[in-house]
């Protein structure tokens, strides 16, 4: 009889252990998922911060080392934008490039900017025309970063530190 009583006691403890483990899992797993999401967000923010000045238009150099060059002599470019809902839209923008005068590729690159201005204008038109008017209004910095990345590839150097639109107008026709 003692063996049966001992077996029943062990079975009761196993069932109690199983129930407590289930309660523990139900209460801990959601909190662990939330903590994991927070850790992922912090890690992605750190990665963004580390990659910050490489492909975007943030200028991390002293202003006295920056030279600006107006594309198309400061004249505005009129560019047809990607149509949205059958409506035609266009952008009238002037484009300026900020160059790092202390960069090793500056001397060669700044000379070639004036020689290749037509190619630069073409690249700008290609990029801007692939965006809708909403993209241009809401995400202008992303478009500028895309232009910056393309120009850096074109010149195979990072002496261009920023792309700016000193004047811009976005219009939509009916």
N, C-alpha and C. Protein backbone atom coordinates (compact mmCIF):
# COMPACT_ATOMS: atom_id res chain seq x y z
N UNK A 1 0.82 -1.19 0.00
CA UNK A 1 0.00 0.00 0.00
C UNK A 1 0.86 1.25 0.00
N UNK A 2 2.04 1.19 0.67
CA UNK A 2 2.92 2.34 0.73
C UNK A 2 3.46 2.69 -0.66
N UNK A 3 3.70 1.65 -1.51
CA UNK A 3 4.21 1.91 -2.85
C UNK A 3 3.16 2.62 -3.68
N UNK A 4 1.90 2.25 -3.57
CA UNK A 4 0.84 2.92 -4.33
C UNK A 4 0.66 4.35 -3.85
N UNK A 5 0.73 4.57 -2.56
CA UNK A 5 0.60 5.92 -2.01
C UNK A 5 1.76 6.79 -2.47
N UNK A 6 2.96 6.20 -2.51
CA UNK A 6 4.14 6.94 -2.97
C UNK A 6 4.00 7.26 -4.46
N UNK A 7 3.50 6.35 -5.27
CA UNK A 7 3.30 6.58 -6.71
C UNK A 7 2.28 7.68 -6.94
N UNK A 8 1.21 7.70 -6.17
CA UNK A 8 0.18 8.74 -6.29
C UNK A 8 0.76 10.09 -5.90
N UNK A 9 1.57 10.12 -4.86
CA UNK A 9 2.20 11.37 -4.42
C UNK A 9 3.15 11.91 -5.51
N UNK A 10 3.94 11.03 -6.10
CA UNK A 10 4.87 11.43 -7.17
C UNK A 10 4.08 11.92 -8.38
N UNK A 11 3.01 11.25 -8.75
CA UNK A 11 2.17 11.67 -9.87
C UNK A 11 1.56 13.04 -9.60
N UNK A 12 1.11 13.29 -8.37
CA UNK A 12 0.53 14.59 -8.02
C UNK A 12 1.58 15.69 -8.13
N UNK A 13 2.81 15.42 -7.67
CA UNK A 13 3.88 16.41 -7.77
C UNK A 13 4.25 16.68 -9.23
N UNK A 14 4.27 15.65 -10.09
CA UNK A 14 4.56 15.84 -11.51
C UNK A 14 3.50 16.71 -12.16
N UNK A 15 2.23 16.45 -11.86
CA UNK A 15 1.14 17.25 -12.42
C UNK A 15 1.22 18.68 -11.92
N UNK A 16 1.52 18.88 -10.65
CA UNK A 16 1.66 20.23 -10.10
C UNK A 16 2.83 20.95 -10.78
N UNK A 17 3.94 20.25 -10.99
CA UNK A 17 5.09 20.82 -11.66
C UNK A 17 4.73 21.22 -13.10
N UNK A 18 3.97 20.37 -13.79
CA UNK A 18 3.55 20.66 -15.15
C UNK A 18 2.66 21.90 -15.20
N UNK A 19 1.74 22.02 -14.27
CA UNK A 19 0.83 23.17 -14.21
C UNK A 19 1.61 24.45 -13.92
N UNK A 20 2.54 24.42 -12.97
CA UNK A 20 3.34 25.61 -12.64
C UNK A 20 4.25 26.01 -13.81
N UNK A 21 4.79 25.03 -14.53
CA UNK A 21 5.62 25.33 -15.70
C UNK A 21 4.79 26.01 -16.79
N UNK A 22 3.58 25.53 -17.01
CA UNK A 22 2.70 26.14 -18.01
C UNK A 22 2.37 27.58 -17.64
N UNK A 23 2.05 27.82 -16.37
CA UNK A 23 1.76 29.18 -15.90
C UNK A 23 2.98 30.08 -16.08
N UNK A 24 4.14 29.56 -15.76
CA UNK A 24 5.38 30.31 -15.91
C UNK A 24 5.62 30.66 -17.38
N UNK A 25 5.42 29.72 -18.28
CA UNK A 25 5.62 29.97 -19.72
C UNK A 25 4.61 31.00 -20.24
N UNK A 26 3.38 30.91 -19.81
CA UNK A 26 2.35 31.85 -20.27
C UNK A 26 2.67 33.26 -19.80
N UNK A 27 3.22 33.41 -18.64
CA UNK A 27 3.50 34.75 -18.12
C UNK A 27 4.83 35.32 -18.60
N UNK A 28 5.82 34.49 -18.92
CA UNK A 28 7.15 34.98 -19.28
C UNK A 28 7.34 35.17 -20.78
N UNK A 29 6.78 34.31 -21.60
CA UNK A 29 7.03 34.36 -23.04
C UNK A 29 6.61 35.71 -23.65
N UNK A 30 5.43 36.27 -23.37
CA UNK A 30 5.09 37.56 -23.97
C UNK A 30 6.05 38.68 -23.55
N UNK A 31 6.47 38.68 -22.29
CA UNK A 31 7.42 39.70 -21.84
C UNK A 31 8.78 39.54 -22.53
N UNK A 32 9.17 38.30 -22.76
CA UNK A 32 10.44 38.04 -23.46
C UNK A 32 10.37 38.53 -24.90
N UNK A 33 9.24 38.33 -25.55
CA UNK A 33 9.07 38.81 -26.92
C UNK A 33 9.15 40.34 -26.97
N UNK A 34 8.51 41.01 -26.02
CA UNK A 34 8.57 42.47 -25.98
C UNK A 34 10.00 42.96 -25.75
N UNK A 35 10.72 42.30 -24.86
CA UNK A 35 12.11 42.69 -24.60
C UNK A 35 12.97 42.45 -25.84
N UNK A 36 12.72 41.36 -26.56
CA UNK A 36 13.46 41.07 -27.77
C UNK A 36 13.20 42.13 -28.84
N UNK A 37 11.96 42.57 -28.99
CA UNK A 37 11.63 43.63 -29.96
C UNK A 37 12.34 44.93 -29.60
N UNK A 38 12.36 45.25 -28.31
CA UNK A 38 13.05 46.46 -27.86
C UNK A 38 14.55 46.38 -28.17
N UNK A 39 15.14 45.24 -27.91
CA UNK A 39 16.57 45.05 -28.19
C UNK A 39 16.83 45.19 -29.69
N UNK A 40 15.96 44.63 -30.53
CA UNK A 40 16.12 44.76 -31.97
C UNK A 40 16.03 46.21 -32.42
N UNK A 41 15.10 46.98 -31.84
CA UNK A 41 14.96 48.39 -32.20
C UNK A 41 16.20 49.19 -31.80
N UNK A 42 16.72 48.91 -30.63
CA UNK A 42 17.93 49.61 -30.17
C UNK A 42 19.12 49.26 -31.07
N UNK A 43 19.24 47.99 -31.41
CA UNK A 43 20.34 47.56 -32.29
C UNK A 43 20.23 48.21 -33.67
N UNK A 44 19.02 48.29 -34.22
CA UNK A 44 18.87 48.92 -35.54
C UNK A 44 19.15 50.41 -35.45
N UNK A 45 18.80 51.07 -34.34
CA UNK A 45 19.10 52.49 -34.18
C UNK A 45 20.61 52.70 -34.09
N UNK A 46 21.29 51.82 -33.41
CA UNK A 46 22.75 51.93 -33.31
C UNK A 46 23.38 51.72 -34.69
N UNK A 47 22.89 50.74 -35.44
CA UNK A 47 23.41 50.51 -36.80
C UNK A 47 23.17 51.73 -37.67
N UNK A 48 22.00 52.35 -37.58
CA UNK A 48 21.71 53.54 -38.36
C UNK A 48 22.66 54.67 -37.99
N UNK A 49 22.92 54.82 -36.71
CA UNK A 49 23.80 55.88 -36.26
C UNK A 49 25.23 55.64 -36.75
N UNK A 50 25.67 54.38 -36.74
CA UNK A 50 27.02 54.08 -37.19
C UNK A 50 27.16 54.30 -38.70
N UNK A 51 26.11 54.05 -39.45
CA UNK A 51 26.15 54.21 -40.89
C UNK A 51 25.78 55.62 -41.32
N UNK A 52 25.52 56.52 -40.37
CA UNK A 52 24.95 57.82 -40.62
C UNK A 52 25.53 58.66 -41.72
N UNK A 53 26.81 58.95 -41.76
CA UNK A 53 27.34 59.89 -42.72
C UNK A 53 27.77 59.29 -44.03
N UNK A 54 27.50 58.03 -44.29
CA UNK A 54 28.05 57.39 -45.46
C UNK A 54 27.20 57.58 -46.71
N UNK A 55 25.90 57.45 -46.62
CA UNK A 55 25.07 57.54 -47.81
C UNK A 55 23.99 58.60 -47.71
N UNK A 56 23.94 59.33 -46.66
CA UNK A 56 22.90 60.34 -46.58
C UNK A 56 23.51 61.73 -46.58
N UNK A 57 22.66 62.74 -46.67
CA UNK A 57 23.14 64.10 -46.83
C UNK A 57 23.47 64.80 -45.53
N UNK A 58 23.89 64.10 -44.54
CA UNK A 58 24.28 64.78 -43.31
C UNK A 58 25.72 65.24 -43.46
N UNK A 59 25.94 66.50 -43.17
CA UNK A 59 27.28 67.05 -43.30
C UNK A 59 27.95 67.02 -41.94
N UNK A 60 29.03 66.23 -41.85
CA UNK A 60 29.76 66.08 -40.60
C UNK A 60 31.14 66.71 -40.68
N UNK A 61 31.27 67.72 -41.52
CA UNK A 61 32.55 68.39 -41.67
C UNK A 61 32.38 69.87 -41.35
N UNK A 62 33.44 70.54 -40.96
CA UNK A 62 33.33 71.96 -40.66
C UNK A 62 32.89 72.75 -41.88
N UNK A 63 32.09 73.77 -41.66
CA UNK A 63 31.51 74.55 -42.75
C UNK A 63 32.58 75.25 -43.58
N UNK A 64 33.73 75.57 -42.99
CA UNK A 64 34.78 76.23 -43.77
C UNK A 64 35.43 75.27 -44.77
N UNK A 65 35.20 73.97 -44.64
CA UNK A 65 35.72 72.99 -45.58
C UNK A 65 34.69 72.60 -46.64
N UNK A 66 33.57 73.33 -46.71
CA UNK A 66 32.50 73.00 -47.64
C UNK A 66 32.45 74.05 -48.75
N UNK A 67 32.40 73.56 -49.98
CA UNK A 67 32.21 74.43 -51.14
C UNK A 67 30.93 73.98 -51.82
N UNK A 68 30.09 74.92 -52.24
CA UNK A 68 28.87 74.55 -52.93
C UNK A 68 29.01 74.83 -54.42
N UNK A 69 28.45 73.94 -55.20
CA UNK A 69 28.45 74.08 -56.65
C UNK A 69 27.01 73.97 -57.13
N UNK A 70 26.56 74.98 -57.84
CA UNK A 70 25.20 74.97 -58.38
C UNK A 70 25.21 74.23 -59.71
N UNK A 71 24.32 73.27 -59.85
CA UNK A 71 24.19 72.53 -61.09
C UNK A 71 23.32 73.34 -62.05
N UNK A 72 23.67 73.33 -63.30
CA UNK A 72 22.98 74.10 -64.35
C UNK A 72 23.09 75.59 -64.08
N UNK A 73 24.19 76.00 -63.47
CA UNK A 73 24.41 77.42 -63.23
C UNK A 73 23.39 78.04 -62.30
N UNK A 74 22.78 77.25 -61.46
CA UNK A 74 21.78 77.76 -60.53
C UNK A 74 20.39 77.86 -61.14
N UNK A 75 20.27 77.55 -62.42
CA UNK A 75 18.96 77.57 -63.09
C UNK A 75 18.12 76.39 -62.59
N UNK A 76 16.83 76.57 -62.62
CA UNK A 76 15.92 75.51 -62.18
C UNK A 76 15.75 74.46 -63.27
N UNK A 77 15.60 73.22 -62.84
CA UNK A 77 15.29 72.12 -63.75
C UNK A 77 13.81 71.81 -63.63
N UNK A 78 13.13 71.69 -64.73
CA UNK A 78 11.72 71.30 -64.73
C UNK A 78 11.67 69.82 -65.10
N UNK A 79 11.13 69.01 -64.19
CA UNK A 79 11.16 67.56 -64.35
C UNK A 79 9.75 67.00 -64.20
N UNK A 80 9.34 66.18 -65.17
CA UNK A 80 8.05 65.49 -65.06
C UNK A 80 8.18 64.39 -64.02
N UNK A 81 7.21 64.34 -63.11
CA UNK A 81 7.23 63.32 -62.06
C UNK A 81 6.38 62.13 -62.49
N UNK A 82 6.56 61.02 -61.80
CA UNK A 82 5.77 59.82 -62.04
C UNK A 82 4.30 60.16 -61.77
N UNK A 83 3.43 59.77 -62.70
CA UNK A 83 2.02 60.13 -62.54
C UNK A 83 1.35 59.31 -61.46
N UNK A 84 0.38 59.94 -60.80
CA UNK A 84 -0.37 59.30 -59.73
C UNK A 84 -1.84 59.48 -60.05
N UNK A 85 -2.57 58.39 -60.17
CA UNK A 85 -3.99 58.42 -60.48
C UNK A 85 -4.27 59.14 -61.81
N UNK A 86 -3.35 59.02 -62.76
CA UNK A 86 -3.55 59.63 -64.06
C UNK A 86 -3.31 61.13 -64.11
N UNK A 87 -2.98 61.72 -62.98
CA UNK A 87 -2.71 63.16 -62.94
C UNK A 87 -1.24 63.39 -63.22
N UNK A 88 -0.97 64.39 -64.06
CA UNK A 88 0.42 64.73 -64.36
C UNK A 88 0.94 65.70 -63.30
N UNK A 89 2.18 65.52 -62.96
CA UNK A 89 2.80 66.42 -61.99
C UNK A 89 4.25 66.66 -62.39
N UNK A 90 4.77 67.76 -61.90
CA UNK A 90 6.14 68.09 -62.23
C UNK A 90 6.80 68.81 -61.07
N UNK A 91 8.13 68.80 -61.11
CA UNK A 91 8.92 69.48 -60.09
C UNK A 91 9.80 70.50 -60.79
N UNK A 92 9.89 71.67 -60.18
CA UNK A 92 10.82 72.70 -60.64
C UNK A 92 11.81 72.88 -59.49
N UNK A 93 13.03 72.39 -59.71
CA UNK A 93 14.02 72.42 -58.63
C UNK A 93 15.34 72.98 -59.13
N UNK A 94 16.04 73.62 -58.24
CA UNK A 94 17.44 73.96 -58.49
C UNK A 94 18.26 73.04 -57.58
N UNK A 95 19.42 72.63 -58.07
CA UNK A 95 20.22 71.64 -57.35
C UNK A 95 21.60 72.21 -57.07
N UNK A 96 22.04 72.03 -55.83
CA UNK A 96 23.40 72.41 -55.43
C UNK A 96 24.06 71.22 -54.76
N UNK A 97 25.35 71.09 -54.99
CA UNK A 97 26.14 70.04 -54.37
C UNK A 97 27.09 70.66 -53.36
N UNK A 98 27.21 70.04 -52.20
CA UNK A 98 28.19 70.48 -51.20
C UNK A 98 29.39 69.55 -51.31
N UNK A 99 30.58 70.15 -51.48
CA UNK A 99 31.81 69.38 -51.67
C UNK A 99 32.74 69.59 -50.49
N UNK A 100 33.42 68.52 -50.08
CA UNK A 100 34.40 68.57 -49.00
C UNK A 100 35.75 68.95 -49.60
N UNK A 101 36.23 70.16 -49.32
CA UNK A 101 37.47 70.65 -49.92
C UNK A 101 38.70 69.93 -49.37
N UNK A 102 38.60 69.28 -48.23
CA UNK A 102 39.73 68.56 -47.63
C UNK A 102 39.78 67.08 -48.05
N UNK A 103 38.80 66.64 -48.81
CA UNK A 103 38.75 65.25 -49.26
C UNK A 103 39.80 65.02 -50.34
N UNK A 104 40.38 63.82 -50.34
CA UNK A 104 41.45 63.52 -51.30
C UNK A 104 40.96 63.53 -52.75
N UNK A 105 39.68 63.27 -52.97
CA UNK A 105 39.14 63.27 -54.34
C UNK A 105 38.58 64.61 -54.78
N UNK A 106 38.69 65.63 -53.92
CA UNK A 106 38.06 66.93 -54.21
C UNK A 106 38.63 67.59 -55.46
N UNK A 107 39.94 67.70 -55.55
CA UNK A 107 40.55 68.46 -56.65
C UNK A 107 40.16 67.87 -58.00
N UNK A 108 40.33 66.59 -58.15
CA UNK A 108 39.99 65.93 -59.42
C UNK A 108 38.48 65.96 -59.65
N UNK A 109 37.71 65.71 -58.60
CA UNK A 109 36.26 65.64 -58.72
C UNK A 109 35.63 66.98 -59.01
N UNK A 110 36.10 68.04 -58.37
CA UNK A 110 35.50 69.36 -58.59
C UNK A 110 35.75 69.84 -60.01
N UNK A 111 36.89 69.49 -60.58
CA UNK A 111 37.16 69.85 -61.97
C UNK A 111 36.25 69.08 -62.92
N UNK A 112 35.99 67.81 -62.59
CA UNK A 112 35.17 66.99 -63.49
C UNK A 112 33.68 67.29 -63.36
N UNK A 113 33.26 67.95 -62.28
CA UNK A 113 31.85 68.30 -62.13
C UNK A 113 31.43 69.25 -63.25
N UNK A 114 32.22 70.26 -63.52
CA UNK A 114 31.86 71.20 -64.58
C UNK A 114 31.90 70.53 -65.96
N UNK A 115 32.81 69.59 -66.15
CA UNK A 115 32.92 68.90 -67.44
C UNK A 115 31.77 67.93 -67.65
N UNK A 116 31.27 67.34 -66.57
CA UNK A 116 30.23 66.30 -66.68
C UNK A 116 28.88 66.79 -66.18
N UNK A 117 28.66 68.09 -66.25
CA UNK A 117 27.41 68.64 -65.71
C UNK A 117 26.18 68.08 -66.43
N UNK A 118 26.28 67.82 -67.72
CA UNK A 118 25.15 67.26 -68.46
C UNK A 118 24.80 65.87 -67.95
N UNK A 119 25.82 65.08 -67.63
CA UNK A 119 25.59 63.73 -67.10
C UNK A 119 24.97 63.82 -65.71
N UNK A 120 25.44 64.75 -64.91
CA UNK A 120 24.90 64.94 -63.56
C UNK A 120 23.43 65.33 -63.65
N UNK A 121 23.11 66.28 -64.52
CA UNK A 121 21.71 66.70 -64.70
C UNK A 121 20.85 65.52 -65.14
N UNK A 122 21.37 64.70 -66.05
CA UNK A 122 20.64 63.53 -66.51
C UNK A 122 20.36 62.56 -65.37
N UNK A 123 21.35 62.31 -64.52
CA UNK A 123 21.16 61.42 -63.37
C UNK A 123 20.10 61.98 -62.43
N UNK A 124 20.15 63.28 -62.18
CA UNK A 124 19.18 63.93 -61.29
C UNK A 124 17.78 63.79 -61.87
N UNK A 125 17.64 64.04 -63.17
CA UNK A 125 16.33 63.94 -63.83
C UNK A 125 15.81 62.51 -63.76
N UNK A 126 16.69 61.52 -64.01
CA UNK A 126 16.27 60.11 -63.95
C UNK A 126 15.74 59.76 -62.56
N UNK A 127 16.45 60.19 -61.54
CA UNK A 127 16.05 59.83 -60.17
C UNK A 127 14.76 60.54 -59.78
N UNK A 128 14.69 61.84 -60.01
CA UNK A 128 13.51 62.61 -59.59
C UNK A 128 12.27 62.16 -60.37
N UNK A 129 12.43 61.85 -61.66
CA UNK A 129 11.26 61.46 -62.47
C UNK A 129 10.70 60.11 -62.07
N UNK A 130 11.45 59.32 -61.30
CA UNK A 130 10.94 58.02 -60.83
C UNK A 130 10.12 58.14 -59.55
N UNK A 131 9.91 59.35 -59.07
CA UNK A 131 9.16 59.56 -57.83
C UNK A 131 7.87 60.31 -58.12
N UNK A 132 6.88 60.06 -57.27
CA UNK A 132 5.61 60.77 -57.39
C UNK A 132 5.70 62.10 -56.66
N UNK A 133 4.68 62.91 -56.84
CA UNK A 133 4.66 64.21 -56.17
C UNK A 133 4.60 64.04 -54.65
N UNK A 134 3.92 62.99 -54.19
CA UNK A 134 3.86 62.74 -52.75
C UNK A 134 5.23 62.35 -52.20
N UNK A 135 5.98 61.54 -52.98
CA UNK A 135 7.35 61.20 -52.56
C UNK A 135 8.18 62.46 -52.41
N UNK A 136 8.07 63.34 -53.37
CA UNK A 136 8.88 64.56 -53.35
C UNK A 136 8.49 65.46 -52.18
N UNK A 137 7.21 65.56 -51.92
CA UNK A 137 6.75 66.43 -50.82
C UNK A 137 7.08 65.85 -49.46
N UNK A 138 6.88 64.55 -49.31
CA UNK A 138 7.01 63.93 -47.98
C UNK A 138 8.39 63.34 -47.71
N UNK A 139 9.10 62.96 -48.76
CA UNK A 139 10.38 62.27 -48.58
C UNK A 139 11.48 62.90 -49.42
N UNK A 140 11.53 64.20 -49.44
CA UNK A 140 12.52 64.89 -50.25
C UNK A 140 13.95 64.51 -49.85
N UNK A 141 14.18 64.34 -48.57
CA UNK A 141 15.52 63.97 -48.09
C UNK A 141 15.95 62.61 -48.64
N UNK A 142 15.01 61.68 -48.76
CA UNK A 142 15.34 60.37 -49.32
C UNK A 142 15.74 60.48 -50.78
N UNK A 143 15.05 61.34 -51.52
CA UNK A 143 15.38 61.56 -52.93
C UNK A 143 16.77 62.19 -53.04
N UNK A 144 17.06 63.15 -52.18
CA UNK A 144 18.37 63.78 -52.17
C UNK A 144 19.46 62.76 -51.83
N UNK A 145 19.19 61.87 -50.88
CA UNK A 145 20.15 60.82 -50.53
C UNK A 145 20.37 59.86 -51.70
N UNK A 146 19.30 59.56 -52.44
CA UNK A 146 19.43 58.68 -53.60
C UNK A 146 20.31 59.35 -54.67
N UNK A 147 20.11 60.63 -54.89
CA UNK A 147 20.95 61.37 -55.84
C UNK A 147 22.40 61.37 -55.35
N UNK A 148 22.60 61.61 -54.06
CA UNK A 148 23.95 61.62 -53.49
C UNK A 148 24.64 60.28 -53.72
N UNK A 149 23.95 59.19 -53.44
CA UNK A 149 24.53 57.86 -53.64
C UNK A 149 24.90 57.61 -55.09
N UNK A 150 24.03 58.02 -56.00
CA UNK A 150 24.30 57.81 -57.43
C UNK A 150 25.50 58.65 -57.87
N UNK A 151 25.59 59.90 -57.40
CA UNK A 151 26.71 60.76 -57.79
C UNK A 151 28.02 60.24 -57.20
N UNK A 152 27.98 59.71 -55.99
CA UNK A 152 29.19 59.14 -55.40
C UNK A 152 29.67 57.94 -56.20
N UNK A 153 28.73 57.14 -56.69
CA UNK A 153 29.11 56.00 -57.54
C UNK A 153 29.66 56.51 -58.87
N UNK A 154 29.04 57.53 -59.40
CA UNK A 154 29.46 58.09 -60.68
C UNK A 154 30.90 58.60 -60.62
N UNK A 155 31.24 59.31 -59.54
CA UNK A 155 32.58 59.86 -59.39
C UNK A 155 33.53 58.92 -58.66
N UNK A 156 33.01 57.82 -58.15
CA UNK A 156 33.79 56.84 -57.41
C UNK A 156 34.58 57.51 -56.28
N UNK A 157 33.90 58.42 -55.58
CA UNK A 157 34.53 59.15 -54.48
C UNK A 157 33.43 59.70 -53.58
N UNK A 158 33.82 60.07 -52.36
CA UNK A 158 32.85 60.64 -51.43
C UNK A 158 33.14 62.11 -51.13
N UNK A 159 33.73 62.82 -52.10
CA UNK A 159 33.99 64.24 -51.89
C UNK A 159 32.70 65.05 -51.93
N UNK A 160 31.63 64.50 -52.53
CA UNK A 160 30.31 65.15 -52.48
C UNK A 160 29.67 64.73 -51.17
N UNK A 161 29.37 65.70 -50.32
CA UNK A 161 28.85 65.36 -49.00
C UNK A 161 27.36 65.61 -48.87
N UNK A 162 26.78 66.38 -49.78
CA UNK A 162 25.37 66.66 -49.65
C UNK A 162 24.80 67.14 -50.98
N UNK A 163 23.50 66.85 -51.17
CA UNK A 163 22.75 67.36 -52.31
C UNK A 163 21.63 68.20 -51.73
N UNK A 164 21.49 69.42 -52.24
CA UNK A 164 20.45 70.32 -51.72
C UNK A 164 19.58 70.82 -52.86
N UNK A 165 18.33 71.09 -52.53
CA UNK A 165 17.41 71.76 -53.44
C UNK A 165 17.13 73.14 -52.87
N UNK A 166 17.95 74.15 -53.20
CA UNK A 166 17.75 75.48 -52.62
C UNK A 166 16.35 76.05 -52.92
N UNK A 167 15.86 75.81 -54.13
CA UNK A 167 14.49 76.21 -54.45
C UNK A 167 13.80 75.01 -55.08
N UNK A 168 12.55 74.83 -54.72
CA UNK A 168 11.79 73.73 -55.29
C UNK A 168 10.31 74.06 -55.26
N UNK A 169 9.62 73.60 -56.29
CA UNK A 169 8.17 73.74 -56.39
C UNK A 169 7.64 72.47 -56.98
N UNK A 170 6.57 71.94 -56.41
CA UNK A 170 5.94 70.74 -56.91
C UNK A 170 4.50 71.08 -57.30
N UNK A 171 4.14 70.78 -58.53
CA UNK A 171 2.81 71.12 -59.03
C UNK A 171 2.14 69.87 -59.59
N UNK A 172 0.81 69.85 -59.47
CA UNK A 172 0.01 68.76 -60.00
C UNK A 172 -1.07 69.35 -60.87
N UNK A 173 -1.22 68.79 -62.09
CA UNK A 173 -2.25 69.30 -63.00
C UNK A 173 -3.50 68.42 -62.91
N UNK A 174 -4.58 68.99 -63.24
CA UNK A 174 -5.87 68.28 -63.17
C UNK A 174 -6.10 67.42 -64.36
